[in-house]
Amino acid sequence: MSFYNSYILLHSWKQNYTTNLTMRKILVIGSGKSSSYLIKYFLDKSESEDLHITIGDINIENAKELIGNHNNAEAIILDVFDQDSRNNAIKNADIVVSMLPARFHIEVAKDCISYNKNMITASYISPEMQVLDIEAKAKGLVFMNEIGVDPGIDHMSAMKVLDTIREKGGKIILFESFTGGLVAPESDNNLWNYKFTWNPRNVVIAGQGGAAKFLQENKYKYIPYNRLFRRTEFLEVEGYGRFEAYANRDSLKYQSVYGLNNVKTLYRGTMRRVGFSRAWNMFVQLGMTDDSYTIDDSENMSYRDFVNTFLPYSPTDSVELKFRHNLKIDQDDIVWDKLEELDIFSSSKKVALKKATPAQILQKILMDTWTLKKEDKDMIVMYHKFGYELHGKMHQIDATMVTIGQDQTYTAMAKTVGLPVAMATLAILDGKIKTPGVQIPISKEVYTPILKELETNGIVFSEKEVPYLGYNMLNV
């Protein structure tokens, strides 16, 4: 090699090395379904904001596909349970985004405390994470949690309206909030009007672990799991039709956080298309959503065998007849058509899962029909109701947001989870969000700029004054 060529190579290496030293390093741990928009946002901003993005995952194929050949990004193998690789990756970052399942955040968080790194997650604050609040504040670290869609955009959009009402002198009487991850109308082609837009397991076991509780006209209300899907509220979203909502497990956990200690009605729920909950209740009543025990010889079962496991023995009656009889389903009931559409009475389809729980088997069956196809689009719907008293008169504001995904990769779920996480990360990195500690995005410092930027990305709330109706839940 000539002296000139050697000089050029050395000069190029020094330039890249110097550039890498000056770039701000973002570590993203986890590259699952909700990471597409997050990574794209960072890549699009990497030149103007001097960012270098490292995506760490135990399986980096998806990360490689998302970053392509981008000069300012790399994918590395990172096992969150391997302390050395986890420590090294976190130590070399300026800020850490954990897109891992919620139960794995704590190990990352402890390292962030050790190495003085700010951290962002989209997950609910766990008791273990909350314990780190004192240390995070002592070190001036921002540990931002619950900044996805729900929790996340729901917090920010609600607090914006609540703060506006209070600034006018209004007294909050009622607050209801609903979110649904659904299939978009153009891809809605099954009788359930539903497809998996996020972790299927969370859908199957939703509502378990205790009674749903909320506040209705100053009365505490509780709905046990076995009744949860038969006590629903109906909602209308302009341009998208009618929906139903069932209660979240604990609507009261944000009462003091939102400053709603004197509110009369507080209810948070999950949205589905009308009719979903009544059909889903069939699985709940039979015990198919149970995740507390395993089934022997499950790997050799057919779908039909699995269903029959929960039905009484009969030497003459078919599985279908026993199913209808036990759950009192008429032959012309649409619920029956929904069940048959899932092919759950198939003798040829095998469970093929060893020592599986009923919930795991049900999930496998549902994924045959409810998995998004490559061209499918999903939809996020959010609906807030605010009832308040001002100058002796009652008022109500309804706020709705609908976001449609592009395809199976760039989904509405990934957009509404990933963009607020990414925006908060950059705001913390830029010193625009400074308040230290383990927190959620309910302060103006956080929600004002992020909601404004979300609007430029098509995530927009429509707010309108409507006649005050009070608490209008049906069947509660």
Protein backbone atom coordinates (compact mmCIF):
# COMPACT_ATOMS: atom_id res chain seq x y z
CA MET A 1 0.00 0.00 0.00
CA SER A 2 1.37 3.45 -0.92
CA PHE A 3 2.14 6.11 1.65
CA TYR A 4 -0.65 8.26 0.20
CA ASN A 5 -3.27 5.50 0.54
CA SER A 6 -2.14 4.75 4.09
CA TYR A 7 -2.45 8.43 4.94
CA ILE A 8 -6.00 8.57 3.53
CA LEU A 9 -7.05 5.47 5.49
CA LEU A 10 -5.55 6.80 8.73
CA HIS A 11 -7.16 10.22 8.21
CA SER A 12 -10.56 8.58 7.54
CA TRP A 13 -10.24 6.41 10.64
CA LYS A 14 -9.33 9.43 12.79
CA GLN A 15 -12.32 11.34 11.41
CA ASN A 16 -14.72 8.48 12.20
CA TYR A 17 -13.18 7.99 15.65
CA THR A 18 -13.47 11.69 16.47
CA THR A 19 -17.06 11.79 15.17
CA ASN A 20 -17.98 8.74 17.25
CA LEU A 21 -16.57 10.43 20.35
CA THR A 22 -18.69 13.53 19.82
CA MET A 23 -21.92 11.68 18.98
CA ARG A 24 -24.45 11.07 21.70
CA LYS A 25 -24.99 7.38 22.29
CA ILE A 26 -28.48 5.92 22.72
CA LEU A 27 -28.78 2.29 23.80
CA VAL A 28 -32.08 0.59 22.95
CA ILE A 29 -32.47 -2.80 24.66
CA GLY A 30 -35.03 -4.92 22.85
CA SER A 31 -36.17 -4.75 19.22
CA GLY A 32 -39.61 -6.36 19.28
CA LYS A 33 -42.85 -5.40 17.56
CA SER A 34 -43.11 -1.97 19.22
CA SER A 35 -39.64 -0.80 18.22
CA SER A 36 -40.03 -0.01 14.50
CA TYR A 37 -41.09 3.65 14.80
CA LEU A 38 -38.81 4.20 17.78
CA ILE A 39 -35.74 3.15 15.82
CA LYS A 40 -36.85 5.01 12.69
CA TYR A 41 -37.28 8.22 14.71
CA PHE A 42 -33.75 7.95 16.08
CA LEU A 43 -32.27 7.17 12.65
CA ASP A 44 -34.09 10.10 11.04
CA LYS A 45 -32.76 12.43 13.76
CA SER A 46 -29.26 10.94 13.96
CA GLU A 47 -27.54 13.40 11.61
CA SER A 48 -29.10 16.62 12.88
CA GLU A 49 -28.92 15.54 16.54
CA ASP A 50 -25.51 13.78 16.46
CA LEU A 51 -26.91 10.44 17.57
CA HIS A 52 -25.40 6.98 17.47
CA ILE A 53 -27.95 4.26 18.13
CA THR A 54 -27.06 0.82 19.45
CA ILE A 55 -29.79 -1.81 19.41
CA GLY A 56 -29.13 -4.65 21.84
CA ASP A 57 -31.12 -7.87 21.71
CA ILE A 58 -30.55 -11.58 22.21
CA ASN A 59 -31.82 -11.98 18.63
CA ILE A 60 -30.64 -9.13 16.42
CA GLU A 61 -32.20 -10.11 13.09
CA ASN A 62 -35.17 -7.76 13.47
CA ALA A 63 -32.86 -4.94 14.62
CA LYS A 64 -30.59 -5.45 11.61
CA GLU A 65 -33.56 -5.29 9.29
CA LEU A 66 -34.84 -2.08 10.88
CA ILE A 67 -31.50 -0.21 10.80
CA GLY A 68 -30.36 -1.52 7.40
CA ASN A 69 -26.97 -0.08 6.47
CA HIS A 70 -27.37 3.15 8.37
CA ASN A 71 -24.02 4.66 9.34
CA ASN A 72 -25.19 5.87 12.75
CA ALA A 73 -26.61 2.61 14.06
CA GLU A 74 -25.47 -0.86 15.00
CA ALA A 75 -27.04 -4.03 16.33
CA ILE A 76 -25.32 -6.00 19.08
CA ILE A 77 -26.16 -9.26 20.82
CA LEU A 78 -27.22 -8.42 24.35
CA ASP A 79 -28.58 -10.95 26.81
CA VAL A 80 -30.15 -8.99 29.66
CA PHE A 81 -29.27 -11.85 32.02
CA ASP A 82 -25.60 -11.73 31.06
CA GLN A 83 -24.25 -9.19 33.51
CA ASP A 84 -21.01 -8.45 31.65
CA SER A 85 -22.59 -7.71 28.26
CA ARG A 86 -25.40 -5.74 29.92
CA ASN A 87 -22.98 -3.70 32.03
CA ASN A 88 -20.68 -2.93 29.10
CA ALA A 89 -23.51 -1.79 26.85
CA ILE A 90 -25.07 0.44 29.52
CA LYS A 91 -21.72 1.85 30.66
CA ASN A 92 -20.91 2.98 27.11
CA ALA A 93 -24.28 4.69 26.52
CA ASP A 94 -25.37 8.24 27.30
CA ILE A 95 -29.00 7.20 27.79
CA VAL A 96 -30.82 3.85 27.91
CA VAL A 97 -34.20 2.87 26.47
CA SER A 98 -35.56 -0.47 27.69
CA MET A 99 -38.10 -2.04 25.34
CA LEU A 100 -37.93 -5.35 27.19
CA PRO A 101 -40.91 -7.07 28.81
CA ALA A 102 -41.75 -5.16 31.99
CA ARG A 103 -40.40 -7.79 34.39
CA PHE A 104 -36.88 -7.41 32.96
CA HIS A 105 -36.54 -3.61 33.35
CA ILE A 106 -35.29 -3.76 36.92
CA GLU A 107 -31.88 -5.27 36.10
CA VAL A 108 -31.31 -2.56 33.51
CA ALA A 109 -32.49 0.11 35.95
CA LYS A 110 -30.05 -0.99 38.66
CA ASP A 111 -27.17 -0.73 36.18
CA CYS A 112 -28.36 2.71 35.13
CA ILE A 113 -28.18 3.78 38.77
CA SER A 114 -24.67 2.32 39.06
CA TYR A 115 -23.39 4.02 35.91
CA ASN A 116 -25.37 7.29 36.23
CA LYS A 117 -27.51 6.84 33.12
CA ASN A 118 -30.99 8.22 32.48
CA MET A 119 -33.54 5.57 31.53
CA ILE A 120 -36.87 5.37 29.66
CA THR A 121 -39.48 2.59 29.51
CA ALA A 122 -43.04 2.33 28.22
CA SER A 123 -44.07 0.00 31.06
CA TYR A 124 -45.99 0.50 34.28
CA ILE A 125 -43.84 1.42 37.27
CA SER A 126 -43.25 -1.76 39.26
CA PRO A 127 -42.75 -1.70 43.06
CA GLU A 128 -39.11 -2.66 42.44
CA MET A 129 -38.66 0.29 40.07
CA GLN A 130 -40.32 2.69 42.52
CA VAL A 131 -37.78 1.71 45.20
CA LEU A 132 -35.06 3.26 43.01
CA ASP A 133 -36.68 6.70 43.16
CA ILE A 134 -34.58 7.96 46.08
CA GLU A 135 -31.29 6.93 44.45
CA ALA A 136 -32.32 8.33 41.07
CA LYS A 137 -33.16 11.69 42.63
CA ALA A 138 -29.94 11.73 44.64
CA LYS A 139 -27.96 11.24 41.42
CA GLY A 140 -30.10 13.63 39.36
CA LEU A 141 -31.26 10.86 37.04
CA VAL A 142 -34.51 10.85 35.07
CA PHE A 143 -36.21 7.45 35.07
CA MET A 144 -39.21 8.03 32.79
CA ASN A 145 -41.77 5.21 32.72
CA GLU A 146 -45.28 4.71 31.32
CA ILE A 147 -44.60 6.79 28.23
CA GLY A 148 -45.97 4.54 25.51
CA VAL A 149 -49.62 4.62 24.44
CA ASP A 150 -51.51 3.13 27.39
CA PRO A 151 -49.87 3.90 29.70
CA GLY A 152 -48.36 7.00 28.15
CA ILE A 153 -50.34 9.03 25.64
CA ASP A 154 -53.39 8.44 27.83
CA HIS A 155 -51.61 10.11 30.78
CA MET A 156 -50.37 13.07 28.76
CA SER A 157 -53.58 13.78 26.84
CA ALA A 158 -55.69 13.44 29.99
CA MET A 159 -53.47 15.70 32.10
CA LYS A 160 -53.48 18.37 29.41
CA VAL A 161 -57.29 18.65 29.58
CA LEU A 162 -57.47 18.21 33.36
CA ASP A 163 -54.91 20.97 33.92
CA THR A 164 -56.77 23.28 31.50
CA ILE A 165 -60.07 22.72 33.33
CA ARG A 166 -58.48 23.37 36.72
CA GLU A 167 -56.74 26.52 35.46
CA LYS A 168 -60.17 27.89 34.49
CA GLY A 169 -61.40 27.19 38.02
CA GLY A 170 -63.34 24.07 37.13
CA LYS A 171 -63.96 21.20 39.55
CA ILE A 172 -63.53 17.71 38.07
CA ILE A 173 -66.57 15.50 38.77
CA LEU A 174 -66.06 12.64 36.32
CA PHE A 175 -63.14 11.12 34.43
CA GLU A 176 -63.33 8.07 32.17
CA SER A 177 -60.57 6.85 29.89
CA PHE A 178 -60.56 4.03 27.32
CA THR A 179 -57.97 2.62 24.92
CA GLY A 180 -58.13 -0.18 22.36
CA GLY A 181 -55.57 -1.84 20.13
CA LEU A 182 -57.72 -3.13 17.27
CA VAL A 183 -57.65 -4.09 13.63
CA ALA A 184 -58.24 -1.21 11.18
CA PRO A 185 -61.60 -1.20 9.33
CA GLU A 186 -59.96 -2.03 5.98
CA SER A 187 -58.34 -5.15 7.48
CA ASP A 188 -61.30 -6.18 9.65
CA ASN A 189 -62.28 -9.48 8.02
CA ASN A 190 -63.20 -11.85 10.83
CA LEU A 191 -66.36 -12.19 12.92
CA TRP A 192 -64.56 -11.14 16.11
CA ASN A 193 -63.52 -7.80 14.55
CA TYR A 194 -60.18 -8.36 16.22
CA LYS A 195 -56.56 -9.31 15.52
CA PHE A 196 -53.46 -9.31 17.73
CA THR A 197 -51.72 -5.94 17.54
CA TRP A 198 -49.43 -6.52 20.53
CA ASN A 199 -48.34 -9.34 22.85
CA PRO A 200 -51.01 -12.08 22.39
CA ARG A 201 -50.35 -13.48 25.85
CA ASN A 202 -51.40 -10.21 27.48
CA VAL A 203 -54.67 -10.32 25.54
CA VAL A 204 -55.47 -13.88 26.63
CA ILE A 205 -54.85 -13.27 30.34
CA ALA A 206 -56.26 -9.71 30.44
CA GLY A 207 -58.26 -8.91 33.55
CA GLN A 208 -56.89 -11.70 35.73
CA GLY A 209 -55.25 -11.24 39.11
CA GLY A 210 -58.03 -9.62 41.08
CA ALA A 211 -61.32 -7.79 40.71
CA ALA A 212 -61.57 -4.69 38.55
CA LYS A 213 -62.28 -1.69 40.77
CA PHE A 214 -63.49 1.80 40.00
CA LEU A 215 -65.50 4.67 41.43
CA GLN A 216 -69.12 5.39 40.43
CA GLU A 217 -70.96 8.36 41.94
CA ASN A 218 -68.82 8.18 45.10
CA LYS A 219 -69.41 4.42 45.40
CA TYR A 220 -66.61 1.88 45.12
CA LYS A 221 -67.43 -0.80 42.55
CA TYR A 222 -65.77 -4.18 42.02
CA ILE A 223 -66.14 -6.61 39.13
CA PRO A 224 -64.71 -10.12 39.63
CA TYR A 225 -62.92 -11.71 36.67
CA ASN A 226 -65.74 -14.16 35.98
CA ARG A 227 -68.13 -11.21 35.39
CA LEU A 228 -65.73 -8.75 33.79
CA PHE A 229 -66.67 -9.34 30.16
CA ARG A 230 -70.41 -9.14 30.77
CA ARG A 231 -70.38 -5.64 32.26
CA THR A 232 -69.45 -3.25 29.51
CA GLU A 233 -69.94 0.35 28.45
CA PHE A 234 -70.80 1.36 24.88
CA LEU A 235 -68.95 4.20 23.16
CA GLU A 236 -69.34 5.97 19.82
CA VAL A 237 -66.31 7.35 17.95
CA GLU A 238 -67.20 9.66 15.08
CA GLY A 239 -66.26 8.10 11.76
CA TYR A 240 -65.45 4.70 13.29
CA GLY A 241 -68.73 3.53 14.75
CA ARG A 242 -69.60 1.81 17.99
CA PHE A 243 -67.29 0.16 20.52
CA GLU A 244 -67.62 -1.52 23.89
CA ALA A 245 -65.29 -1.29 26.88
CA TYR A 246 -64.63 -3.50 29.87
CA ALA A 247 -63.05 -2.25 33.10
CA ASN A 248 -59.31 -2.24 33.68
CA ARG A 249 -58.14 -4.03 36.80
CA ASP A 250 -57.48 -0.93 38.93
CA SER A 251 -58.95 2.39 37.82
CA LEU A 252 -58.10 4.00 41.16
CA LYS A 253 -54.30 3.75 41.05
CA TYR A 254 -54.06 7.13 39.29
CA GLN A 255 -56.63 8.95 41.41
CA SER A 256 -54.11 10.84 43.54
CA VAL A 257 -51.53 10.98 40.71
CA TYR A 258 -54.01 12.82 38.46
CA GLY A 259 -55.17 15.02 41.34
CA LEU A 260 -58.67 13.48 41.32
CA ASN A 261 -59.10 12.80 45.03
CA ASN A 262 -62.49 14.55 45.06
CA VAL A 263 -63.82 13.07 41.81
CA LYS A 264 -67.15 11.22 41.99
CA THR A 265 -66.62 8.87 39.05
CA LEU A 266 -63.32 7.38 37.89
CA TYR A 267 -63.22 4.56 35.36
CA ARG A 268 -60.56 3.25 32.97
CA GLY A 269 -61.28 0.54 30.43
CA THR A 270 -60.18 -1.42 27.38
CA MET A 271 -62.03 -0.99 24.07
CA ARG A 272 -63.20 -3.71 21.70
CA ARG A 273 -65.78 -3.86 18.92
CA VAL A 274 -69.31 -4.57 20.15
CA GLY A 275 -69.89 -8.29 20.67
CA PHE A 276 -66.30 -9.27 21.37
CA SER A 277 -66.68 -9.40 25.14
CA ARG A 278 -69.76 -11.62 25.15
CA ALA A 279 -68.01 -14.15 22.93
CA TRP A 280 -64.74 -13.95 24.88
CA ASN A 281 -66.67 -14.67 28.04
CA MET A 282 -67.28 -18.20 26.74
CA PHE A 283 -63.56 -18.95 27.12
CA VAL A 284 -63.50 -17.40 30.58
CA GLN A 285 -66.46 -19.43 31.79
CA LEU A 286 -64.97 -22.71 30.55
CA GLY A 287 -61.54 -21.97 32.08
CA MET A 288 -59.62 -21.74 28.82
CA THR A 289 -57.86 -18.51 29.85
CA ASP A 290 -56.44 -20.04 33.05
CA ASP A 291 -52.66 -19.79 33.26
CA SER A 292 -52.17 -21.34 36.71
CA TYR A 293 -51.71 -25.02 35.81
CA THR A 294 -50.47 -27.22 32.97
CA ILE A 295 -52.31 -29.89 31.01
CA ASP A 296 -50.84 -33.39 30.78
CA ASP A 297 -50.14 -34.76 27.31
CA SER A 298 -51.05 -31.40 25.79
CA GLU A 299 -48.54 -31.87 22.97
CA ASN A 300 -50.60 -34.75 21.56
CA MET A 301 -53.97 -33.06 21.86
CA SER A 302 -56.01 -31.82 18.94
CA TYR A 303 -57.85 -28.52 19.26
CA ARG A 304 -61.02 -30.58 19.68
CA ASP A 305 -59.44 -32.60 22.51
CA PHE A 306 -58.48 -29.37 24.25
CA VAL A 307 -62.04 -28.03 24.14
CA ASN A 308 -63.42 -31.36 25.32
CA THR A 309 -61.11 -31.26 28.35
CA PHE A 310 -63.37 -28.62 29.91
CA LEU A 311 -66.69 -30.36 29.12
CA PRO A 312 -68.55 -33.15 30.95
CA TYR A 313 -68.22 -36.71 29.70
CA SER A 314 -71.00 -38.09 27.52
CA PRO A 315 -71.00 -41.41 25.65
CA THR A 316 -73.31 -40.01 22.97
CA ASP A 317 -73.18 -36.19 22.76
CA SER A 318 -70.68 -34.49 20.45
CA VAL A 319 -68.22 -31.89 21.67
CA GLU A 320 -70.21 -29.20 19.86
CA LEU A 321 -73.47 -30.25 21.50
CA LYS A 322 -71.91 -30.34 24.97
CA PHE A 323 -70.34 -26.93 24.39
CA ARG A 324 -73.64 -25.34 23.34
CA HIS A 325 -75.56 -27.01 26.15
CA ASN A 326 -73.13 -26.03 28.91
CA LEU A 327 -72.86 -22.41 27.80
CA LYS A 328 -76.48 -22.10 26.67
CA ILE A 329 -75.61 -21.00 23.13
CA ASP A 330 -78.39 -21.17 20.58
CA GLN A 331 -77.50 -22.70 17.23
CA ASP A 332 -78.30 -19.45 15.39
CA ASP A 333 -76.34 -17.27 17.85
CA ILE A 334 -73.51 -15.25 16.25
CA VAL A 335 -71.29 -16.34 19.14
CA TRP A 336 -71.41 -19.88 17.76
CA ASP A 337 -70.30 -18.67 14.34
CA LYS A 338 -67.39 -16.84 15.99
CA LEU A 339 -66.30 -20.01 17.78
CA GLU A 340 -66.49 -22.12 14.63
CA GLU A 341 -64.49 -19.52 12.71
CA LEU A 342 -61.54 -20.20 15.06
CA ASP A 343 -61.61 -23.88 14.08
CA ILE A 344 -61.46 -24.87 17.76
CA PHE A 345 -63.38 -28.09 17.07
CA SER A 346 -60.76 -29.36 14.59
CA SER A 347 -59.58 -32.95 15.06
CA SER A 348 -56.63 -32.53 12.68
CA LYS A 349 -54.98 -29.43 14.14
CA LYS A 350 -52.61 -30.27 16.99
CA VAL A 351 -51.72 -28.24 20.07
CA ALA A 352 -48.08 -29.36 19.84
CA LEU A 353 -47.13 -27.61 23.10
CA LYS A 354 -45.70 -29.71 25.91
CA LYS A 355 -47.04 -29.18 29.45
CA ALA A 356 -48.92 -26.08 28.32
CA THR A 357 -51.38 -24.07 30.36
CA PRO A 358 -54.93 -23.57 29.03
CA ALA A 359 -54.06 -19.92 28.30
CA GLN A 360 -51.00 -20.92 26.26
CA ILE A 361 -53.03 -23.39 24.21
CA LEU A 362 -55.84 -20.89 23.62
CA GLN A 363 -53.25 -18.33 22.50
CA LYS A 364 -51.85 -20.76 19.93
CA ILE A 365 -55.33 -21.47 18.57
CA LEU A 366 -56.16 -17.77 18.30
CA MET A 367 -52.90 -16.90 16.58
CA ASP A 368 -53.94 -19.09 13.64
CA THR A 369 -56.71 -16.60 12.86
CA TRP A 370 -55.83 -13.37 14.64
CA THR A 371 -52.21 -12.78 13.55
CA LEU A 372 -51.79 -9.70 11.37
CA LYS A 373 -50.97 -10.56 7.77
CA LYS A 374 -48.22 -8.64 5.99
CA GLU A 375 -50.63 -6.20 4.37
CA ASP A 376 -52.94 -5.83 7.39
CA LYS A 377 -53.30 -2.53 9.21
CA ASP A 378 -54.05 -2.08 12.89
CA MET A 379 -55.75 0.78 14.73
CA ILE A 380 -55.36 2.49 18.10
CA VAL A 381 -58.47 4.17 19.51
CA MET A 382 -58.47 6.33 22.64
CA TYR A 383 -61.45 8.03 24.26
CA HIS A 384 -61.52 10.33 27.32
CA LYS A 385 -64.58 11.78 29.05
CA PHE A 386 -64.24 14.75 31.40
CA GLY A 387 -67.17 15.97 33.50
CA TYR A 388 -66.66 19.18 35.47
CA GLU A 389 -68.45 21.99 37.27
CA LEU A 390 -67.64 25.60 36.41
CA HIS A 391 -69.49 28.69 37.71
CA GLY A 392 -72.36 26.54 38.93
CA LYS A 393 -72.90 24.76 35.60
CA MET A 394 -72.01 21.21 34.54
CA HIS A 395 -69.87 20.65 31.44
CA GLN A 396 -68.46 17.67 29.57
CA ILE A 397 -65.53 17.34 27.18
CA ASP A 398 -65.06 14.24 25.02
CA ALA A 399 -61.59 13.71 23.53
CA THR A 400 -60.90 11.01 20.94
CA MET A 401 -57.85 9.86 19.01
CA VAL A 402 -57.62 7.29 16.21
CA THR A 403 -54.35 6.20 14.58
CA ILE A 404 -54.12 3.71 11.70
CA GLY A 405 -50.98 1.66 11.05
CA GLN A 406 -49.15 1.34 7.73
CA ASP A 407 -48.51 -2.40 7.64
CA GLN A 408 -47.45 -5.38 9.77
CA THR A 409 -44.12 -3.73 10.73
CA TYR A 410 -45.01 -0.06 11.03
CA THR A 411 -48.15 -0.58 13.09
CA ALA A 412 -50.29 1.97 14.90
CA MET A 413 -49.30 0.19 18.11
CA ALA A 414 -45.60 0.59 17.35
CA LYS A 415 -46.17 4.23 16.40
CA THR A 416 -48.09 5.22 19.51
CA VAL A 417 -45.75 3.30 21.81
CA GLY A 418 -42.45 4.07 20.10
CA LEU A 419 -42.75 7.76 19.21
CA PRO A 420 -43.45 9.11 22.72
CA VAL A 421 -40.61 6.95 24.07
CA ALA A 422 -38.25 8.31 21.41
CA MET A 423 -39.35 11.92 21.90
CA ALA A 424 -38.89 11.69 25.67
CA THR A 425 -35.45 10.15 25.18
CA LEU A 426 -34.27 13.04 23.02
CA ALA A 427 -35.84 15.63 25.35
CA ILE A 428 -33.98 14.14 28.32
CA LEU A 429 -30.77 13.96 26.32
CA ASP A 430 -31.20 17.62 25.36
CA GLY A 431 -31.85 18.65 28.97
CA LYS A 432 -35.43 19.74 28.25
CA ILE A 433 -36.79 17.21 30.74
CA LYS A 434 -34.76 17.71 33.91
CA THR A 435 -36.88 16.70 36.90
CA PRO A 436 -35.13 13.66 38.41
CA GLY A 437 -36.62 10.50 39.85
CA VAL A 438 -38.82 7.54 38.91
CA GLN A 439 -41.81 9.17 37.23
CA ILE A 440 -44.61 9.11 34.66
CA PRO A 441 -45.35 11.81 32.04
CA ILE A 442 -47.92 13.95 33.85
CA SER A 443 -46.08 17.26 34.15
CA LYS A 444 -46.31 20.09 31.61
CA GLU A 445 -42.54 19.90 31.21
CA VAL A 446 -43.06 16.48 29.64
CA TYR A 447 -46.48 16.38 28.03
CA THR A 448 -46.65 19.81 26.36
CA PRO A 449 -43.78 19.38 23.85
CA ILE A 450 -44.41 15.67 23.29
CA LEU A 451 -48.12 16.05 22.53
CA LYS A 452 -47.29 18.90 20.16
CA GLU A 453 -44.71 16.80 18.31
CA LEU A 454 -47.05 13.80 18.21
CA GLU A 455 -49.56 15.98 16.37
CA THR A 456 -46.99 16.61 13.63
CA ASN A 457 -46.79 12.83 13.28
CA GLY A 458 -50.54 12.37 12.87
CA ILE A 459 -51.39 11.44 16.46
CA VAL A 460 -54.05 14.07 17.11
CA PHE A 461 -56.84 14.37 19.68
CA SER A 462 -60.21 15.79 18.77
CA GLU A 463 -61.72 17.60 21.77
CA LYS A 464 -65.30 18.80 21.85
CA GLU A 465 -67.77 20.16 24.38
CA VAL A 466 -70.89 17.98 24.64
CA PRO A 467 -73.95 18.10 26.89
CA TYR A 468 -73.10 16.75 30.34
CA LEU A 469 -74.51 13.25 30.64
CA GLY A 470 -72.98 12.20 33.93
CA TYR A 471 -72.05 8.62 34.53
CA ASN A 472 -73.60 6.68 31.63
CA MET A 473 -72.15 3.20 31.89
CA LEU A 474 -74.50 0.49 30.76
CA ASN A 475 -74.97 -2.88 32.48
CA VAL A 476 -72.91 -1.80 35.52
